[in-house]
Amino acid sequence: MAHATTTMTNASRITQRFADLRRTGEMGLVAYLTAGDPTLAATEQFVLALANAGADVIELGVPFSDPVADGPVIQRASERALRGGTTLAGVLSLVKSLRAKTNVPLVLFSYFNPVLQMGLDKFGDAAKEAGADGVLITDLTPDEAGDYRAAMSSRGLDTIFLAAPTSTDERLALIAKATTGFLYLISRTGVTGAKDQLADELPALARRVRRFTELPIAIGFGISLPGHVSLLGGLADAAVVGSALVDEIERAASVDAAAAALAARVKLLKGAAVTGMSRRESQQ
């Protein structure tokens, strides 16, 4: 699926993509992959397949030895990637290679330890030079992120933070203030992983978050089925799908088969996203 691009001065690719989606009345689809699962070369093929199938933003997970926010599917992906020798430096090289082949917005999704070990300035320089668009650090809270935010924003990198069902109004205000690009709303408590149903409390949670930000809101954790994505049309600007995609990779017999399965899944989910936005417009 080809994407038109609106020209916006000093706007990141992420901001541009969401502006294009709003203009065309589409809900976005943010796709997560663990970089290096099973290899970095395979991940490059997967990202290009996802982008061509209609993914609007792609999150590249930096594999980490203790992925405490992730469920078993992504934990296993991290283990496979680490066994294969994937490092943060390798993921940054992957971003650089991808940037020469696609204009899809790329978000580096990491725990803080690898970034801190590399050094904030060195990481920021490398991420910017490679062509990354944003960074999401899962275990870094906004009130402890002053140096990190300064290092990223000075290089034009969006800083995406997580909001959760347990976040108080005071926390949501702080998260919204620290966030650029889009705000990532966790749909439920617990770790990542595909679920059959969305939380009943999600509509009220999404409405509460809207009071604190005008940024696009992307809802993730447990989003795996077209029905989930369609339901989000009245609540969110984008759906985040991760474990369901990583599971396709784990179950595929080959890299080519995985790429084909990923593309098919994204086309199905993106079709549901269009349906969801039609529902949202009918409610307004």
Foldseek 3Di string as FASTA:
>chain_A
DDFDWDDDPLDFLLVRLLVSCVVVLFFAAEEEDAAPQQHNVLVLLQVVLLVVLGHQEYEYEDQDQCPPQADDLVNVSSVNRVVVPGAPLNVLQSLLVSVVPDPRAYEYEYACVRCVVCPLLNSLVSNLVSPHAAYEHAPDALVRCPVNLVNNVVSNHWYEYEDEPPQDLVSLLSNQVSGDSEYEYEQHDGHADADDDTDPCRQVVLVSSVVRHPGFYEYEGRDQDLVSLLQCLQRGSYYYDYSNLSVLSVPDPDSVSSSVVSSVRSNSNSVSRSNNSVVNVVVD
